Protein backbone atom coordinates (compact mmCIF):
# COMPACT_ATOMS: atom_id res chain seq x y z
CA MET A 1 12.35 -6.18 -9.52
CA LEU A 2 13.83 -8.79 -7.17
CA GLY A 3 14.79 -6.27 -4.57
CA SER A 4 11.40 -4.55 -4.37
CA GLY A 5 9.53 -7.63 -5.11
CA ILE A 6 10.60 -9.42 -1.95
CA VAL A 7 9.44 -6.33 0.10
CA PHE A 8 5.97 -6.52 -1.49
CA LEU A 9 5.94 -10.29 -1.20
CA ASP A 10 6.72 -10.25 2.50
CA SER A 11 3.86 -7.79 3.17
CA THR A 12 1.34 -10.34 1.85
CA VAL A 13 2.94 -13.85 2.20
CA VAL A 14 3.01 -13.61 5.99
CA ASN A 15 -0.82 -12.98 6.24
CA VAL A 16 -1.64 -16.58 5.56
CA ALA A 17 0.95 -17.71 8.00
CA LEU A 18 -0.39 -15.68 10.87
CA PRO A 19 -2.82 -18.52 12.25
CA ARG A 20 -0.10 -21.10 12.25
CA ILE A 21 2.42 -18.62 13.92
CA GLY A 22 -0.12 -17.84 16.61
CA HIS A 23 -0.53 -21.54 17.32
CA ASP A 24 3.12 -22.72 17.11
CA LEU A 25 5.05 -19.86 18.70
CA PRO A 26 5.37 -19.69 22.53
CA ARG A 27 4.67 -16.16 23.88
CA LEU A 28 6.21 -14.42 26.89
CA PHE A 29 3.72 -11.55 27.50
CA LEU A 30 1.82 -11.01 24.19
CA GLY A 31 -1.64 -12.46 23.53
CA VAL A 32 -2.27 -14.63 20.41
CA LEU A 33 -4.23 -11.96 18.41
CA GLU A 34 -2.05 -9.12 19.70
CA GLY A 35 1.14 -10.99 18.72
CA GLN A 36 -0.34 -11.83 15.30
CA SER A 37 -1.21 -8.17 14.76
CA TYR A 38 2.28 -6.99 15.77
CA VAL A 39 3.94 -9.52 13.53
CA TYR A 40 2.04 -7.96 10.52
CA ASN A 41 1.97 -4.34 11.50
CA ALA A 42 5.45 -3.98 12.90
CA TYR A 43 6.98 -4.64 9.45
CA LEU A 44 4.59 -2.14 7.71
CA LEU A 45 5.18 0.53 10.37
CA THR A 46 8.92 0.44 10.18
CA LEU A 47 8.91 0.15 6.47
CA SER A 48 6.65 3.26 6.14
CA ALA A 49 8.49 5.40 8.80
CA LEU A 50 11.90 4.83 7.24
CA LEU A 51 11.17 5.09 3.55
CA ILE A 52 12.23 8.83 3.17
CA LEU A 53 15.31 8.32 5.26
CA ALA A 54 16.22 5.27 3.17
CA GLY A 55 15.53 7.24 -0.14
CA ALA A 56 17.91 10.09 1.07
CA LEU A 57 20.54 7.58 2.12
CA ASN A 58 20.41 6.06 -1.41
CA ASP A 59 21.08 9.41 -3.03
CA PHE A 60 23.70 10.53 -0.44
CA TYR A 61 25.87 7.31 -0.06
CA GLY A 62 25.24 5.61 -3.52
CA ARG A 63 22.24 3.81 -4.76
CA LYS A 64 23.88 0.58 -5.62
CA ARG A 65 25.66 0.36 -2.32
CA MET A 66 22.54 1.05 -0.23
CA PHE A 67 20.53 -1.34 -2.38
CA MET A 68 22.97 -4.12 -1.71
CA PHE A 69 23.11 -3.23 1.95
CA GLY A 70 19.28 -3.43 1.98
CA LEU A 71 19.36 -6.85 0.32
CA VAL A 72 21.90 -8.25 2.91
CA GLY A 73 19.91 -6.83 5.73
CA PHE A 74 16.61 -8.31 4.31
CA GLY A 75 18.30 -11.58 3.89
CA VAL A 76 19.79 -11.61 7.42
CA THR A 77 16.49 -10.54 9.10
CA SER A 78 14.44 -13.08 7.09
CA VAL A 79 16.70 -15.81 8.51
CA LEU A 80 16.15 -14.41 11.97
CA CYS A 81 12.43 -14.34 11.44
CA GLY A 82 12.44 -17.87 10.15
CA LEU A 83 14.32 -19.14 13.25
CA ALA A 84 12.55 -17.03 15.84
CA PRO A 85 12.04 -18.98 19.08
CA ASN A 86 9.09 -16.95 20.47
CA MET A 87 6.49 -14.33 19.38
CA GLU A 88 8.29 -11.40 20.91
CA LEU A 89 11.52 -11.93 19.16
CA LEU A 90 9.71 -12.47 15.83
CA VAL A 91 7.99 -9.02 16.24
CA LEU A 92 11.54 -7.48 16.94
CA PHE A 93 12.87 -9.25 13.90
CA ARG A 94 10.03 -8.02 11.82
CA VAL A 95 10.87 -4.45 12.87
CA LEU A 96 14.45 -4.94 11.62
CA GLN A 97 13.16 -6.57 8.40
CA GLY A 98 10.99 -3.52 7.67
CA ALA A 99 13.91 -1.31 8.23
CA ALA A 100 16.00 -3.27 5.65
CA GLY A 101 13.05 -3.31 3.17
CA ALA A 102 12.76 0.50 3.33
CA LEU A 103 16.23 0.71 1.48
CA LEU A 104 14.93 -1.43 -1.41
CA VAL A 105 11.67 0.09 -2.68
CA PRO A 106 12.85 3.63 -3.34
CA GLY A 107 16.26 2.24 -4.23
CA SER A 108 14.83 0.12 -6.99
CA LEU A 109 13.02 3.09 -8.58
CA ALA A 110 16.07 5.35 -8.17
CA LEU A 111 18.20 2.79 -9.96
CA LEU A 112 15.67 2.52 -12.89
CA THR A 113 15.65 6.36 -13.16
CA ALA A 114 19.44 6.59 -13.24
CA ASN A 115 19.96 3.83 -15.81
CA PHE A 116 17.01 4.36 -18.24
CA GLU A 117 15.85 7.25 -20.34
CA GLY A 118 12.72 8.29 -22.48
CA GLU A 119 10.32 5.57 -23.55
CA GLU A 120 12.61 2.86 -22.40
CA GLN A 121 12.35 4.26 -19.01
CA GLY A 122 8.62 4.26 -19.04
CA ARG A 123 8.63 0.63 -20.04
CA ALA A 124 10.98 -0.24 -17.27
CA PHE A 125 8.70 1.51 -14.83
CA GLY A 126 5.76 -0.43 -16.26
CA ILE A 127 7.61 -3.79 -15.88
CA TRP A 128 8.44 -2.75 -12.29
CA ALA A 129 4.84 -2.07 -11.48
CA GLY A 130 3.69 -5.37 -13.15
CA ALA A 131 6.19 -7.19 -11.05
CA SER A 132 5.04 -5.55 -7.90
CA ALA A 133 1.40 -6.66 -8.77
CA ALA A 134 2.55 -10.18 -9.50
CA THR A 135 4.19 -10.53 -6.08
CA THR A 136 0.89 -9.26 -4.54
CA ILE A 137 -0.97 -12.00 -6.27
CA LEU A 138 1.48 -14.67 -5.60
CA GLY A 139 2.08 -13.78 -1.83
CA PRO A 140 -1.04 -15.53 -0.38
CA VAL A 141 -0.62 -18.43 -2.80
CA VAL A 142 3.08 -18.97 -2.16
CA GLY A 143 2.58 -18.51 1.57
CA GLY A 144 -0.33 -20.90 1.74
CA PHE A 145 1.63 -23.60 -0.16
CA LEU A 146 4.69 -23.15 2.08
CA VAL A 147 2.71 -23.13 5.36
CA ASP A 148 0.64 -26.12 4.28
CA SER A 149 3.41 -28.26 2.86
CA LEU A 150 6.40 -27.22 5.01
CA SER A 151 6.13 -24.72 7.79
CA TRP A 152 5.31 -21.10 8.39
CA ARG A 153 9.14 -20.57 8.84
CA ALA A 154 9.53 -21.30 5.18
CA ALA A 155 7.44 -18.20 4.43
CA PHE A 156 10.39 -16.11 5.66
CA LEU A 157 13.32 -18.47 4.42
CA ILE A 158 12.03 -18.45 0.85
CA ASN A 159 13.56 -14.85 0.64
CA ILE A 160 17.14 -16.21 0.91
CA PRO A 161 17.63 -17.46 -2.80
CA LEU A 162 15.85 -14.31 -4.15
CA VAL A 163 18.18 -12.14 -2.10
CA ALA A 164 21.20 -14.07 -3.33
CA ILE A 165 20.25 -13.67 -7.02
CA GLY A 166 19.47 -10.01 -6.47
CA LEU A 167 22.87 -9.45 -4.81
CA TRP A 168 24.71 -11.16 -7.58
CA ALA A 169 22.77 -9.40 -10.39
CA THR A 170 23.34 -5.86 -8.68
CA TYR A 171 27.03 -6.36 -8.09
CA VAL A 172 27.69 -7.65 -11.67
CA HIS A 173 25.38 -5.49 -13.85
CA VAL A 174 24.33 -2.36 -11.88
CA PRO A 175 26.48 0.72 -12.14
CA GLU A 176 26.84 3.09 -9.06
CA SER A 177 25.07 6.42 -9.02
CA ARG A 178 24.59 9.12 -6.41
CA ASP A 179 23.68 12.72 -5.85
CA GLU A 180 27.01 14.31 -6.92
CA GLN A 181 25.80 17.75 -5.61
CA ALA A 182 25.08 16.51 -2.13
CA SER A 183 26.86 18.27 0.80
CA ASN A 184 29.20 16.41 3.15
CA LYS A 185 26.72 16.44 5.99
CA PHE A 186 23.54 14.17 6.22
CA ASP A 187 20.41 15.62 7.84
CA TRP A 188 19.92 13.22 10.68
CA LEU A 189 17.65 15.65 12.51
CA GLY A 190 15.34 15.90 9.55
CA ALA A 191 15.43 12.16 9.38
CA ALA A 192 14.20 11.87 12.98
CA VAL A 193 11.36 14.37 12.35
CA VAL A 194 10.29 12.57 9.15
CA GLY A 195 10.23 9.30 11.01
CA LEU A 196 8.02 10.81 13.70
CA ALA A 197 5.63 12.32 11.08
CA VAL A 198 5.19 9.26 9.05
CA GLY A 199 5.48 6.62 11.78
CA GLY A 200 3.04 8.71 14.16
CA LEU A 201 0.43 8.97 11.48
CA ALA A 202 0.68 5.36 10.48
CA PHE A 203 0.87 3.94 13.96
CA GLY A 204 -2.02 6.20 15.23
CA ALA A 205 -4.34 5.17 12.46
CA ILE A 206 -3.65 1.41 12.70
CA TYR A 207 -3.71 1.41 16.50
CA GLY A 208 -6.71 3.57 16.81
CA GLN A 209 -8.73 1.47 14.37
CA GLN A 210 -7.67 -1.69 16.15
CA ARG A 211 -8.93 -0.33 19.48
CA GLU A 212 -12.12 1.24 17.95
CA TRP A 213 -10.70 4.72 19.10
CA ARG A 214 -11.34 3.94 22.71
CA ASP A 215 -7.60 4.14 23.70
CA PRO A 216 -6.14 7.71 23.58
CA ALA A 217 -2.69 6.38 22.51
CA GLY A 218 -4.00 6.35 18.81
CA PHE A 219 -4.98 10.02 19.07
CA VAL A 220 -1.62 10.96 20.78
CA ALA A 221 0.37 9.19 18.05
CA ILE A 222 -1.59 11.00 15.25
CA GLY A 223 -1.15 14.32 17.10
CA ILE A 224 2.67 13.72 17.30
CA GLY A 225 2.71 12.81 13.58
CA LEU A 226 0.63 15.96 12.66
CA LEU A 227 2.94 18.18 14.81
CA ALA A 228 6.09 16.66 13.12
CA THR A 229 4.48 17.09 9.66
CA ILE A 230 3.86 20.77 10.31
CA ALA A 231 7.39 21.33 11.70
CA LEU A 232 9.04 19.54 8.83
CA PRO A 233 8.93 22.15 6.06
CA VAL A 234 10.06 24.77 8.50
CA LEU A 235 13.00 22.61 9.42
CA MET A 236 13.84 21.72 5.86
CA ALA A 237 13.72 25.47 4.91
CA SER A 238 16.21 26.42 7.63
CA SER A 239 18.72 23.53 6.96
CA SER A 240 21.68 24.00 4.77
CA HIS A 241 21.49 20.29 3.74
CA PRO A 242 17.90 19.24 4.08
CA LEU A 243 16.83 15.59 4.05
CA ILE A 244 13.91 16.54 1.70
CA PRO A 245 14.91 19.30 -0.76
CA LEU A 246 11.98 21.66 -0.88
CA HIS A 247 12.71 22.65 -4.51
CA LEU A 248 11.27 19.18 -5.46
CA PHE A 249 7.80 20.50 -4.70
CA LYS A 250 8.31 23.43 -7.11
CA SER A 251 7.85 20.87 -9.85
CA ARG A 252 4.08 20.94 -10.52
CA ASN A 253 3.99 17.38 -11.61
CA PHE A 254 5.82 16.12 -8.44
CA THR A 255 3.38 17.92 -6.15
CA VAL A 256 0.20 16.98 -8.07
CA THR A 257 1.30 13.27 -8.28
CA ASN A 258 1.79 13.06 -4.55
CA ILE A 259 -1.55 14.62 -3.85
CA SER A 260 -3.32 12.19 -6.22
CA THR A 261 -1.36 9.33 -4.68
CA LEU A 262 -2.74 10.19 -1.30
CA LEU A 263 -6.28 10.02 -2.61
CA ILE A 264 -6.03 7.14 -5.04
CA TYR A 265 -3.88 4.78 -2.90
CA GLY A 266 -6.12 5.51 0.08
CA ALA A 267 -9.14 4.44 -2.15
CA LEU A 268 -7.19 1.38 -3.50
CA TYR A 269 -6.52 0.09 -0.05
CA VAL A 270 -10.02 0.59 1.29
CA PHE A 271 -11.55 -1.04 -1.74
CA SER A 272 -9.41 -4.15 -1.45
CA TYR A 273 -9.59 -4.43 2.33
CA TYR A 274 -13.35 -4.03 2.68
CA GLN A 275 -14.17 -6.17 -0.34
CA ALA A 276 -12.33 -9.09 1.34
CA LEU A 277 -14.02 -8.42 4.67
CA PHE A 278 -17.54 -8.02 3.11
CA MET A 279 -17.15 -11.23 1.07
CA GLN A 280 -15.99 -13.36 3.83
CA GLY A 281 -17.61 -11.95 6.96
CA THR A 282 -20.98 -10.87 5.54
CA LEU A 283 -21.55 -12.96 2.53
CA GLY A 284 -19.83 -16.15 3.54
CA TYR A 285 -17.16 -16.67 0.90
CA THR A 286 -14.16 -18.61 1.87
CA ALA A 287 -10.81 -16.83 2.38
CA ALA A 288 -9.38 -18.43 -0.85
CA ALA A 289 -12.42 -17.33 -2.81
CA ALA A 290 -12.29 -13.79 -1.52
CA GLY A 291 -8.49 -13.63 -2.18
CA ALA A 292 -8.99 -14.90 -5.67
CA ALA A 293 -11.72 -12.48 -6.44
CA GLY A 294 -9.36 -9.61 -7.50
CA ILE A 295 -6.94 -11.90 -9.45
CA PRO A 296 -8.66 -11.37 -12.88
CA GLY A 297 -8.36 -7.62 -12.81
CA THR A 298 -4.80 -7.64 -11.43
CA LEU A 299 -3.65 -9.63 -14.22
CA PHE A 300 -4.22 -6.60 -16.64
CA LEU A 301 -1.62 -4.83 -14.51
CA VAL A 302 0.91 -7.69 -14.64
CA PHE A 303 0.74 -8.26 -18.39
CA PHE A 304 0.00 -4.75 -19.83
CA SER A 305 1.56 -2.14 -17.40
CA SER A 306 4.82 -1.99 -19.46
CA ARG A 307 2.79 -0.98 -22.49
CA PHE A 308 1.21 1.95 -20.69
CA GLY A 309 4.52 2.97 -19.23
CA SER A 310 5.82 3.26 -22.90
CA LEU A 311 2.71 5.21 -23.85
CA ALA A 312 3.02 7.54 -21.01
CA ALA A 313 6.70 8.29 -21.90
CA ARG A 314 5.76 8.87 -25.51
CA TYR A 315 2.45 10.91 -25.14
CA GLY A 316 2.67 12.18 -21.67
CA PRO A 317 1.06 10.72 -18.43
CA ARG A 318 -1.68 13.35 -17.94
CA TRP A 319 -4.77 11.66 -19.48
CA PHE A 320 -3.72 8.13 -18.49
CA MET A 321 -3.53 9.32 -14.85
CA ALA A 322 -7.04 10.87 -15.28
CA ALA A 323 -8.61 7.90 -17.01
CA GLY A 324 -7.29 5.35 -14.62
CA PRO A 325 -9.09 6.55 -11.57
CA ALA A 326 -12.17 7.23 -13.60
CA VAL A 327 -12.39 3.66 -14.83
CA MET A 328 -11.90 2.32 -11.19
CA LEU A 329 -14.65 4.78 -10.17
CA LEU A 330 -17.12 2.82 -12.47
CA GLY A 331 -16.00 -0.47 -10.76
CA VAL A 332 -16.71 1.02 -7.46
CA LEU A 333 -20.10 2.27 -8.46
CA TRP A 334 -20.93 -1.31 -9.75
CA MET A 335 -20.05 -2.64 -6.30
CA ILE A 336 -22.48 -0.31 -4.49
CA ARG A 337 -25.34 -2.23 -6.16
CA VAL A 338 -24.43 -5.49 -4.41
CA PRO A 339 -27.29 -6.69 -2.29
CA PRO A 340 -27.11 -8.35 1.04
CA THR A 341 -28.60 -11.62 -0.59
CA SER A 342 -25.65 -11.98 -2.89
CA VAL A 343 -24.33 -15.16 -1.28
CA PRO A 344 -22.50 -18.25 -2.55
CA TRP A 345 -24.39 -21.52 -3.22
CA HIS A 346 -23.48 -23.19 0.02
CA LEU A 347 -25.27 -20.53 1.96
CA ARG A 348 -28.54 -21.00 0.27
CA PRO A 349 -31.26 -21.94 2.87
CA ALA A 350 -32.59 -25.46 3.07
CA ASP A 351 -36.09 -24.17 3.18
CA PRO A 352 -37.30 -24.09 -0.55
CA THR A 353 -39.94 -21.51 0.11
CA THR A 354 -37.16 -18.96 1.08
CA PHE A 355 -35.73 -17.49 -2.13
CA LEU A 356 -32.20 -16.29 -2.45
CA PRO A 357 -30.42 -15.78 -5.76
CA PRO A 358 -27.59 -18.20 -6.71
CA ALA A 359 -23.87 -17.36 -6.27
CA SER A 360 -23.42 -14.09 -7.94
CA TYR A 361 -19.71 -13.44 -8.15
CA PHE A 362 -19.90 -13.30 -12.03
CA THR A 363 -22.52 -10.53 -11.90
CA ASP A 364 -21.73 -8.68 -8.72
CA PHE A 365 -18.00 -8.85 -8.17
CA LEU A 366 -16.29 -9.85 -11.31
CA PRO A 367 -17.40 -6.92 -13.56
CA ALA A 368 -16.32 -4.44 -10.87
CA ASN A 369 -12.87 -6.16 -10.25
CA ILE A 370 -12.38 -6.21 -14.25
CA LEU A 371 -13.13 -2.43 -14.33
CA PHE A 372 -10.91 -1.97 -11.30
CA GLY A 373 -7.95 -3.96 -12.82
CA LEU A 374 -8.26 -2.05 -16.15
CA GLY A 375 -8.09 1.30 -14.22
CA ILE A 376 -5.03 0.19 -12.34
CA MET A 377 -3.36 -0.88 -15.55
CA VAL A 378 -3.86 2.58 -17.16
CA LEU A 379 -2.75 4.38 -14.01
CA VAL A 380 0.19 2.90 -12.19
CA ALA A 381 2.97 3.12 -14.69
CA PRO A 382 2.07 6.54 -16.01
CA LEU A 383 1.90 7.79 -12.43
CA THR A 384 5.45 6.32 -11.78
CA THR A 385 6.63 8.01 -14.94
CA ALA A 386 5.14 11.35 -14.05
CA LEU A 387 6.68 11.29 -10.56
CA MET A 388 10.26 10.15 -11.62
CA THR A 389 10.52 12.41 -14.67
CA SER A 390 9.38 15.45 -12.67
CA ILE A 391 12.43 15.67 -10.45
CA PRO A 392 16.18 15.80 -11.06
CA VAL A 393 17.85 12.36 -11.35
CA ARG A 394 20.13 13.25 -8.53
CA ASN A 395 17.12 13.31 -6.11
CA SER A 396 15.49 10.18 -7.49
CA GLY A 397 15.96 8.18 -4.27
CA VAL A 398 14.30 10.68 -1.90
CA GLY A 399 11.73 11.63 -4.45
CA SER A 400 10.51 8.03 -4.85
CA ALA A 401 10.65 7.52 -1.20
CA ILE A 402 8.32 10.49 -0.55
CA ASN A 403 5.79 9.03 -2.88
CA ASN A 404 6.03 5.58 -1.38
CA ALA A 405 5.58 7.02 2.11
CA ILE A 406 2.55 8.83 1.05
CA SER A 407 1.14 5.73 -0.68
CA ARG A 408 1.48 3.76 2.62
CA VAL A 409 0.35 6.40 5.11
CA GLY A 410 -2.60 7.48 2.84
CA PRO A 411 -4.35 4.05 3.01
CA GLN A 412 -3.96 3.88 6.81
CA LEU A 413 -5.50 7.23 7.34
CA ALA A 414 -8.36 6.58 4.74
CA GLY A 415 -9.01 3.31 6.33
CA ALA A 416 -9.19 4.74 9.81
CA LEU A 417 -11.55 7.50 8.63
CA ILE A 418 -13.91 5.26 6.79
CA PHE A 419 -13.91 2.81 9.78
CA VAL A 420 -15.37 5.63 11.80
CA PHE A 421 -18.15 6.21 9.31
CA ILE A 422 -19.17 2.64 8.70
CA THR A 423 -19.03 1.62 12.40
CA ALA A 424 -21.37 4.57 13.38
CA ASP A 425 -23.78 3.76 10.53
CA PHE A 426 -23.70 0.05 11.39
CA TYR A 427 -24.76 0.38 14.96
CA ARG A 428 -27.32 3.15 14.05
CA PHE A 429 -28.82 0.78 11.66
CA LEU A 430 -29.10 -1.99 14.31
CA ALA A 431 -30.42 0.38 16.93
CA GLY A 432 -33.42 1.05 14.57
CA ARG A 433 -34.07 -2.57 13.97
CA LEU A 434 -33.35 -4.15 17.31
CA SER A 435 -35.64 -2.76 19.94
CA GLY A 436 -34.77 -3.40 23.55
CA VAL A 437 -31.12 -4.27 22.69
CA ASP A 438 -28.20 -1.92 23.91
CA VAL A 439 -26.29 -1.85 20.71
CA SER A 440 -23.86 0.75 22.31
CA SER A 441 -22.57 -1.64 25.06
CA ALA A 442 -19.00 -3.02 25.02
CA GLY A 443 -20.35 -6.56 25.28
CA PHE A 444 -22.55 -6.11 22.22
CA HIS A 445 -19.60 -4.65 20.22
CA ALA A 446 -17.42 -7.60 21.19
CA ARG A 447 -20.10 -10.02 19.76
CA VAL A 448 -21.42 -8.00 16.78
CA SER A 449 -19.14 -5.81 14.48
CA PRO A 450 -19.39 -4.59 10.95
CA LEU A 451 -18.77 -6.92 8.17
CA ASN A 452 -18.51 -9.95 10.38
CA THR A 453 -21.17 -12.71 10.90
CA PRO A 454 -22.49 -12.71 14.53
CA PRO A 455 -22.42 -15.78 16.58
CA ASP A 456 -26.22 -15.58 17.34
CA PRO A 457 -28.12 -17.03 14.27
CA GLY A 458 -31.02 -14.99 15.10
CA LEU A 459 -29.02 -11.82 14.30
CA VAL A 460 -27.52 -13.00 11.03
CA GLY A 461 -30.15 -11.54 8.68
CA VAL A 462 -30.24 -8.00 10.25
CA VAL A 463 -26.54 -7.85 10.73
CA ARG A 464 -26.05 -8.85 7.14
CA GLU A 465 -28.30 -5.92 5.99
CA ALA A 466 -26.48 -3.53 8.32
CA SER A 467 -23.11 -4.64 7.01
CA THR A 468 -24.18 -4.21 3.45
CA GLU A 469 -25.29 -0.83 4.06
CA SER A 470 -21.97 -0.06 5.76
CA PHE A 471 -20.07 -1.52 2.86
CA HIS A 472 -22.03 0.63 0.42
CA ILE A 473 -21.05 3.68 2.42
CA ALA A 474 -17.37 2.69 2.35
CA MET A 475 -17.54 2.19 -1.36
CA LEU A 476 -19.28 5.50 -1.81
CA VAL A 477 -16.36 7.20 -0.03
CA VAL A 478 -13.91 5.18 -2.27
CA ALA A 479 -15.67 6.53 -5.25
CA ILE A 480 -15.40 10.15 -4.08
CA LEU A 481 -11.62 9.53 -3.53
CA PHE A 482 -11.16 8.15 -7.06
CA LEU A 483 -13.14 11.02 -8.53
CA LEU A 484 -11.09 13.52 -6.66
CA GLY A 485 -7.87 11.73 -7.88
CA ALA A 486 -9.05 11.81 -11.39
CA LEU A 487 -9.94 15.46 -11.32
CA VAL A 488 -6.62 16.42 -9.63
CA ASN A 489 -4.63 14.71 -12.37
CA ALA A 490 -6.61 16.00 -15.21
CA ALA A 491 -6.27 19.61 -13.92
CA GLY A 492 -2.87 19.44 -12.48
CA ILE A 493 -0.56 17.07 -14.52
CA ARG A 494 1.42 18.56 -17.44
CA ASN A 495 2.86 16.49 -20.16
CA GLU A 496 6.55 17.47 -19.90
CA ALA A 497 9.53 16.01 -21.62
CA ALA A 498 11.73 14.00 -19.44
CA LYS A 499 15.09 15.49 -18.41
CA THR A 500 18.13 13.36 -19.36
CA PRO A 501 21.07 13.09 -16.99
CA ALA A 502 23.26 14.87 -19.42
CA ALA A 503 20.92 17.88 -19.70
CA GLU A 504 20.66 18.00 -15.88
CA SER A 505 24.52 18.08 -15.34
CA SER A 506 25.03 20.93 -17.76
CA PRO A 507 26.13 24.21 -16.16
CA GLU A 508 23.09 26.03 -17.48
CA ALA A 509 20.54 23.58 -16.00
CA GLU A 510 19.02 24.67 -12.73
CA PRO A 511 17.82 21.82 -10.48
CA THR A 512 14.27 23.06 -10.42
CA SER A 513 13.86 23.78 -14.09
CA LEU A 514 11.71 21.76 -16.35
CA GLN A 515 11.84 21.21 -20.08
CA PRO A 516 9.18 22.81 -22.23
CA GLU A 517 5.78 21.12 -22.49
CA ALA A 518 5.60 18.38 -25.13
CA ASN A 519 1.92 18.98 -25.68
């Protein structure tokens, strides 16, 4: 929990520090906004691109050893980030920090899989999911406190005591485990192709969206990622020691879980990202208020996910994995009804003849976020249980890494796709309402963009309407993704008994075989 928690914490805690970083750090050649973007995205890109390689290294060289190596690396790079003298070096150190973090997320799940069984394992997965949610909640809060009371550098240095505790606990209490059937050769060529596939898709989606798809570099990166993805199964099939054992995908639950992860986590990201933008840029909520909007729902995951992990291990994950996205779908549908006049009190006009309803968080956003939180609570631990019990324990590192990589690339691709849709609809709406204004010009796009308040007060009303319609379209796409995820899980997941390490190591057991269905 500590090892993976600091990785999730650092993906959120730095967000609130970015304005101060841009103000305080000198720059050699990067602009302020460009540097802030790289500080955030360099970490996520490296983390995403190296997850599968890191998972395979965990299985090959030993999960405890690689987990401790990742902790040391994360601690060292956190110190370097905290002491960075300029923006460019901070970006470089963030790249290295993401590489170290890649060892920790799949490593943590692999250690849980190797050391727990049955219902206890499901409960452990639930506690892990709850801890991950807690760090997501605490990230902006802790980061804001450290930045305001000390310095943005403290947002990185806070990792040091957590790393020290994690190292001690791992060394003293965690037994070593690895894939005893692994060959003596590691598939470095496969690792390079996987890095190109995941990194190309993630970078292309992020860069293309940032540049509004006007720079061909985004398309080139996605093209490289797609080519590497297509070449990957051919390369794995021809290798005598593949980085990704293709027999993992013979497991129905493993394949279905990864497909649903692509759909559901893409929807999760888009919902959270666009809700925050809509509340702040369109409706005028403060950053703190928009950040706190999702807390009530997320608390369900923090406190009750372990219970659903145990239930999934006892009764099977199938219907939990179908019900979770279905409940989240209801929350998204509630969000589609939010009107452009759903503004907080401080934005009410001074003119008493102009009527706007009062702050409507409790009727417009709170019900949706509660439903959303209930759905996540039901989904996450059973999904993790279905994934990790569908593969041999010896492949737990690379298996969890594949799913983690998909859960990170899927959101970027979904976000880029939805961005294209809502941007086109936004300017189409404005073109129909603003006669004589060239809404397609680069100058207009620089001043007026979806889900953001324009500088011209005369445009606020019509832009708010256009942004609300675009937000509704984004939520409609999110709803479709959740529906597809629920249907995929209901039709594809099977409630299979988990395989114990003892059963797996027996001479009769084939690596791809699964126990009979429990129900």
